[in-house]
Amino acid sequence: MQRVLDAVAWLDSIGSEAPYSRIQVAFVAGYGPTSGGFANILRNLGTAELIAYPGSGAVDVTDDGRATAVGPSTPPTRADLHRRVQEMIDAPIWRCLETLIGSSTQAR
């Protein structure tokens, strides 16, 4: 459960705005968004009133949930974000994404 709360704190730290999609939270926490284990964790967090569901497929964290979540000590940089994504996806997908990232930075 802590890993899911920490994922929300991490999303907060990069400037994302809640509520988050179930897919975002699962991805950052390292779960499959449709896995039974992730569903059970969300259910338990909801029962403990640490998260809420403001809409279909959306997850928000209550004040108590935010107080329990542990975020990064300093806001992540763009490189930190890229590194985090790289850790979470397969190498061939990362190589394609890395090419797109490089193309978008060169276009600026």
N, C-alpha and C. Protein backbone atom coordinates (compact mmCIF):
# COMPACT_ATOMS: atom_id res chain seq x y z
N MET A 1 0.82 -1.19 0.00
CA MET A 1 0.00 0.00 0.00
C MET A 1 0.87 1.26 0.00
N GLN A 2 1.97 1.19 0.71
CA GLN A 2 2.86 2.35 0.78
C GLN A 2 3.42 2.71 -0.60
N ARG A 3 3.71 1.68 -1.37
CA ARG A 3 4.28 1.92 -2.71
C ARG A 3 3.31 2.71 -3.58
N VAL A 4 2.03 2.47 -3.46
CA VAL A 4 1.03 3.20 -4.24
C VAL A 4 0.93 4.64 -3.74
N LEU A 5 0.92 4.84 -2.44
CA LEU A 5 0.89 6.21 -1.90
C LEU A 5 2.14 6.98 -2.30
N ASP A 6 3.28 6.31 -2.26
CA ASP A 6 4.54 6.96 -2.66
C ASP A 6 4.53 7.31 -4.14
N ALA A 7 3.88 6.48 -4.95
CA ALA A 7 3.77 6.77 -6.39
C ALA A 7 3.00 8.07 -6.60
N VAL A 8 1.95 8.26 -5.83
CA VAL A 8 1.18 9.50 -5.94
C VAL A 8 2.03 10.70 -5.50
N ALA A 9 2.79 10.54 -4.44
CA ALA A 9 3.68 11.62 -3.98
C ALA A 9 4.71 11.94 -5.07
N TRP A 10 5.20 10.93 -5.75
CA TRP A 10 6.16 11.14 -6.83
C TRP A 10 5.50 11.91 -7.98
N LEU A 11 4.28 11.51 -8.34
CA LEU A 11 3.56 12.22 -9.40
C LEU A 11 3.33 13.68 -9.00
N ASP A 12 2.98 13.91 -7.74
CA ASP A 12 2.82 15.28 -7.25
C ASP A 12 4.12 16.06 -7.43
N SER A 13 5.25 15.42 -7.14
CA SER A 13 6.54 16.10 -7.14
C SER A 13 6.99 16.52 -8.54
N ILE A 14 6.46 15.86 -9.59
CA ILE A 14 6.85 16.26 -10.95
C ILE A 14 5.87 17.26 -11.54
N GLY A 15 4.93 17.69 -10.73
CA GLY A 15 4.00 18.72 -11.17
C GLY A 15 2.73 18.20 -11.81
N SER A 16 2.49 16.91 -11.74
CA SER A 16 1.23 16.37 -12.25
C SER A 16 0.12 16.80 -11.30
N GLU A 17 -1.08 16.89 -11.83
CA GLU A 17 -2.19 17.32 -11.01
C GLU A 17 -3.16 16.19 -10.76
N ALA A 18 -3.54 16.03 -9.51
CA ALA A 18 -4.52 15.02 -9.13
C ALA A 18 -5.90 15.50 -9.55
N PRO A 19 -6.84 14.63 -9.79
CA PRO A 19 -6.71 13.19 -9.62
C PRO A 19 -5.91 12.56 -10.76
N TYR A 20 -5.31 11.44 -10.44
CA TYR A 20 -4.49 10.71 -11.40
C TYR A 20 -5.29 9.55 -11.96
N SER A 21 -4.92 9.14 -13.15
CA SER A 21 -5.58 7.96 -13.70
C SER A 21 -5.02 6.73 -13.00
N ARG A 22 -5.83 5.73 -12.95
CA ARG A 22 -5.42 4.44 -12.37
C ARG A 22 -4.16 3.93 -13.08
N ILE A 23 -4.08 4.18 -14.39
CA ILE A 23 -2.94 3.73 -15.19
C ILE A 23 -1.67 4.45 -14.75
N GLN A 24 -1.74 5.78 -14.54
CA GLN A 24 -0.56 6.53 -14.08
C GLN A 24 -0.05 5.99 -12.75
N VAL A 25 -0.95 5.82 -11.81
CA VAL A 25 -0.56 5.37 -10.47
C VAL A 25 0.04 3.97 -10.55
N ALA A 26 -0.60 3.08 -11.28
CA ALA A 26 -0.09 1.71 -11.41
C ALA A 26 1.30 1.71 -12.04
N PHE A 27 1.48 2.49 -13.10
CA PHE A 27 2.76 2.54 -13.81
C PHE A 27 3.88 2.98 -12.88
N VAL A 28 3.67 4.09 -12.19
CA VAL A 28 4.71 4.62 -11.31
C VAL A 28 4.96 3.69 -10.12
N ALA A 29 3.93 3.04 -9.64
CA ALA A 29 4.09 2.11 -8.51
C ALA A 29 4.65 0.76 -8.94
N GLY A 30 4.68 0.50 -10.25
CA GLY A 30 5.24 -0.76 -10.74
C GLY A 30 4.25 -1.90 -10.78
N TYR A 31 2.97 -1.58 -10.92
CA TYR A 31 1.92 -2.61 -11.02
C TYR A 31 1.27 -2.54 -12.38
N GLY A 32 0.63 -3.63 -12.77
CA GLY A 32 -0.22 -3.60 -13.95
C GLY A 32 -1.54 -2.96 -13.55
N PRO A 33 -2.06 -2.05 -14.36
CA PRO A 33 -3.27 -1.33 -13.96
C PRO A 33 -4.51 -2.20 -13.83
N THR A 34 -4.49 -3.38 -14.43
CA THR A 34 -5.64 -4.27 -14.33
C THR A 34 -5.35 -5.50 -13.47
N SER A 35 -4.20 -5.51 -12.80
CA SER A 35 -3.86 -6.69 -11.99
C SER A 35 -4.74 -6.75 -10.73
N GLY A 36 -4.99 -7.96 -10.32
CA GLY A 36 -5.79 -8.17 -9.11
C GLY A 36 -5.11 -7.62 -7.87
N GLY A 37 -3.78 -7.75 -7.82
CA GLY A 37 -3.04 -7.24 -6.67
C GLY A 37 -3.19 -5.74 -6.53
N PHE A 38 -3.11 -5.03 -7.66
CA PHE A 38 -3.25 -3.58 -7.64
C PHE A 38 -4.68 -3.20 -7.22
N ALA A 39 -5.65 -3.92 -7.73
CA ALA A 39 -7.05 -3.66 -7.37
C ALA A 39 -7.25 -3.86 -5.86
N ASN A 40 -6.65 -4.90 -5.31
CA ASN A 40 -6.77 -5.14 -3.86
C ASN A 40 -6.14 -4.02 -3.05
N ILE A 41 -4.99 -3.55 -3.50
CA ILE A 41 -4.31 -2.46 -2.80
C ILE A 41 -5.18 -1.21 -2.83
N LEU A 42 -5.74 -0.88 -3.99
CA LEU A 42 -6.61 0.29 -4.08
C LEU A 42 -7.83 0.13 -3.17
N ARG A 43 -8.39 -1.05 -3.16
CA ARG A 43 -9.55 -1.32 -2.29
C ARG A 43 -9.18 -1.10 -0.83
N ASN A 44 -8.03 -1.63 -0.41
CA ASN A 44 -7.59 -1.47 0.98
C ASN A 44 -7.30 -0.01 1.31
N LEU A 45 -6.69 0.72 0.37
CA LEU A 45 -6.43 2.14 0.60
C LEU A 45 -7.73 2.93 0.69
N GLY A 46 -8.72 2.54 -0.11
CA GLY A 46 -10.02 3.19 -0.04
C GLY A 46 -10.73 2.92 1.28
N THR A 47 -10.66 1.67 1.73
CA THR A 47 -11.27 1.30 3.01
C THR A 47 -10.61 2.07 4.15
N ALA A 48 -9.29 2.28 4.05
CA ALA A 48 -8.56 3.02 5.08
C ALA A 48 -8.73 4.54 4.92
N GLU A 49 -9.51 4.94 3.91
CA GLU A 49 -9.76 6.35 3.61
C GLU A 49 -8.48 7.13 3.32
N LEU A 50 -7.54 6.45 2.63
CA LEU A 50 -6.30 7.09 2.21
C LEU A 50 -6.37 7.52 0.75
N ILE A 51 -7.31 6.93 0.00
CA ILE A 51 -7.55 7.36 -1.37
C ILE A 51 -9.05 7.50 -1.59
N ALA A 52 -9.40 8.22 -2.66
CA ALA A 52 -10.80 8.39 -3.06
C ALA A 52 -10.87 8.21 -4.56
N TYR A 53 -12.06 8.01 -5.05
CA TYR A 53 -12.30 7.80 -6.48
C TYR A 53 -13.23 8.91 -6.99
N PRO A 54 -12.68 10.02 -7.46
CA PRO A 54 -13.52 11.14 -7.88
C PRO A 54 -14.23 10.94 -9.22
N GLY A 55 -13.84 9.92 -9.97
CA GLY A 55 -14.48 9.66 -11.25
C GLY A 55 -14.04 8.31 -11.78
N SER A 56 -14.60 7.93 -12.89
CA SER A 56 -14.28 6.64 -13.49
C SER A 56 -12.80 6.55 -13.85
N GLY A 57 -12.12 5.57 -13.29
CA GLY A 57 -10.70 5.36 -13.59
C GLY A 57 -9.77 6.35 -12.94
N ALA A 58 -10.30 7.22 -12.07
CA ALA A 58 -9.48 8.25 -11.43
C ALA A 58 -9.20 7.88 -9.98
N VAL A 59 -8.01 8.25 -9.53
CA VAL A 59 -7.59 7.99 -8.15
C VAL A 59 -7.09 9.31 -7.57
N ASP A 60 -7.57 9.64 -6.40
CA ASP A 60 -7.07 10.82 -5.69
C ASP A 60 -6.69 10.38 -4.29
N VAL A 61 -5.80 11.12 -3.70
CA VAL A 61 -5.33 10.78 -2.36
C VAL A 61 -5.94 11.76 -1.37
N THR A 62 -6.40 11.24 -0.27
CA THR A 62 -6.98 12.09 0.77
C THR A 62 -5.85 12.80 1.51
N ASP A 63 -6.20 13.73 2.37
CA ASP A 63 -5.19 14.42 3.17
C ASP A 63 -4.41 13.43 4.03
N ASP A 64 -5.12 12.45 4.61
CA ASP A 64 -4.43 11.42 5.41
C ASP A 64 -3.49 10.59 4.54
N GLY A 65 -3.90 10.30 3.31
CA GLY A 65 -3.05 9.55 2.39
C GLY A 65 -1.80 10.32 2.02
N ARG A 66 -1.96 11.62 1.77
CA ARG A 66 -0.79 12.46 1.44
C ARG A 66 0.16 12.55 2.63
N ALA A 67 -0.39 12.59 3.83
CA ALA A 67 0.45 12.65 5.03
C ALA A 67 1.24 11.36 5.21
N THR A 68 0.71 10.26 4.72
CA THR A 68 1.36 8.95 4.84
C THR A 68 2.35 8.70 3.71
N ALA A 69 2.13 9.34 2.57
CA ALA A 69 2.99 9.13 1.39
C ALA A 69 4.37 9.73 1.60
N VAL A 70 5.36 9.07 1.01
CA VAL A 70 6.74 9.57 1.07
C VAL A 70 7.18 9.91 -0.34
N GLY A 71 7.42 11.18 -0.57
CA GLY A 71 7.86 11.62 -1.89
C GLY A 71 9.36 11.84 -1.90
N PRO A 72 9.89 12.19 -3.07
CA PRO A 72 11.33 12.45 -3.16
C PRO A 72 11.71 13.69 -2.35
N SER A 73 12.94 13.71 -1.85
CA SER A 73 13.39 14.83 -1.01
C SER A 73 13.58 16.11 -1.82
N THR A 74 13.88 15.98 -3.11
CA THR A 74 13.96 17.14 -4.00
C THR A 74 13.14 16.82 -5.25
N PRO A 75 12.58 17.84 -5.88
CA PRO A 75 11.79 17.57 -7.10
C PRO A 75 12.65 16.90 -8.17
N PRO A 76 12.11 15.86 -8.80
CA PRO A 76 12.87 15.18 -9.84
C PRO A 76 13.11 16.10 -11.05
N THR A 77 14.25 15.91 -11.67
CA THR A 77 14.59 16.64 -12.90
C THR A 77 13.99 15.89 -14.09
N ARG A 78 14.09 16.48 -15.25
CA ARG A 78 13.64 15.81 -16.47
C ARG A 78 14.42 14.50 -16.66
N ALA A 79 15.72 14.54 -16.39
CA ALA A 79 16.55 13.33 -16.52
C ALA A 79 16.08 12.26 -15.53
N ASP A 80 15.70 12.67 -14.32
CA ASP A 80 15.17 11.72 -13.33
C ASP A 80 13.89 11.08 -13.84
N LEU A 81 13.03 11.90 -14.44
CA LEU A 81 11.78 11.38 -15.00
C LEU A 81 12.07 10.36 -16.10
N HIS A 82 13.00 10.69 -16.99
CA HIS A 82 13.35 9.76 -18.07
C HIS A 82 13.92 8.46 -17.50
N ARG A 83 14.78 8.58 -16.50
CA ARG A 83 15.37 7.40 -15.87
C ARG A 83 14.28 6.52 -15.24
N ARG A 84 13.32 7.16 -14.59
CA ARG A 84 12.24 6.41 -13.93
C ARG A 84 11.42 5.65 -14.97
N VAL A 85 11.11 6.31 -16.08
CA VAL A 85 10.34 5.66 -17.14
C VAL A 85 11.15 4.51 -17.72
N GLN A 86 12.44 4.74 -17.94
CA GLN A 86 13.30 3.69 -18.50
C GLN A 86 13.31 2.45 -17.61
N GLU A 87 13.29 2.64 -16.30
CA GLU A 87 13.28 1.51 -15.37
C GLU A 87 11.98 0.70 -15.46
N MET A 88 10.93 1.32 -15.94
CA MET A 88 9.61 0.70 -15.90
C MET A 88 9.17 0.05 -17.20
N ILE A 89 9.92 0.28 -18.28
CA ILE A 89 9.48 -0.28 -19.55
C ILE A 89 10.55 -1.17 -20.15
N ASP A 90 10.15 -1.99 -21.09
CA ASP A 90 11.09 -2.90 -21.76
C ASP A 90 12.09 -2.11 -22.60
N ALA A 91 13.29 -2.67 -22.73
CA ALA A 91 14.37 -2.00 -23.45
C ALA A 91 14.00 -1.59 -24.89
N PRO A 92 13.36 -2.45 -25.69
CA PRO A 92 13.03 -2.02 -27.06
C PRO A 92 12.07 -0.81 -27.08
N ILE A 93 11.13 -0.79 -26.16
CA ILE A 93 10.20 0.34 -26.09
C ILE A 93 10.95 1.58 -25.66
N TRP A 94 11.88 1.44 -24.71
CA TRP A 94 12.66 2.59 -24.27
C TRP A 94 13.49 3.17 -25.42
N ARG A 95 14.08 2.31 -26.23
CA ARG A 95 14.90 2.81 -27.35
C ARG A 95 14.05 3.65 -28.30
N CYS A 96 12.84 3.22 -28.57
CA CYS A 96 11.93 4.01 -29.42
C CYS A 96 11.58 5.33 -28.74
N LEU A 97 11.26 5.27 -27.48
CA LEU A 97 10.89 6.49 -26.74
C LEU A 97 12.07 7.44 -26.63
N GLU A 98 13.24 6.89 -26.42
CA GLU A 98 14.46 7.71 -26.31
C GLU A 98 14.70 8.48 -27.61
N THR A 99 14.45 7.83 -28.73
CA THR A 99 14.59 8.50 -30.03
C THR A 99 13.60 9.66 -30.13
N LEU A 100 12.38 9.43 -29.70
CA LEU A 100 11.36 10.49 -29.73
C LEU A 100 11.74 11.64 -28.79
N ILE A 101 12.24 11.30 -27.62
CA ILE A 101 12.67 12.32 -26.66
C ILE A 101 13.79 13.17 -27.28
N GLY A 102 14.75 12.51 -27.89
CA GLY A 102 15.86 13.21 -28.53
C GLY A 102 15.39 14.12 -29.65
N SER A 103 14.42 13.63 -30.42
CA SER A 103 13.89 14.44 -31.53
C SER A 103 13.17 15.67 -31.01
N SER A 104 12.42 15.53 -29.92
CA SER A 104 11.66 16.67 -29.41
C SER A 104 12.58 17.69 -28.77
N THR A 105 13.70 17.26 -28.19
CA THR A 105 14.63 18.22 -27.58
C THR A 105 15.41 18.98 -28.66
N GLN A 106 15.71 18.30 -29.74
CA GLN A 106 16.44 18.95 -30.83
C GLN A 106 15.57 19.97 -31.56
N ALA A 107 14.26 19.75 -31.55
CA ALA A 107 13.34 20.64 -32.26
C ALA A 107 13.17 21.99 -31.53
N ARG A 108 13.59 22.06 -30.29
CA ARG A 108 13.40 23.28 -29.51
C ARG A 108 14.41 24.32 -29.83
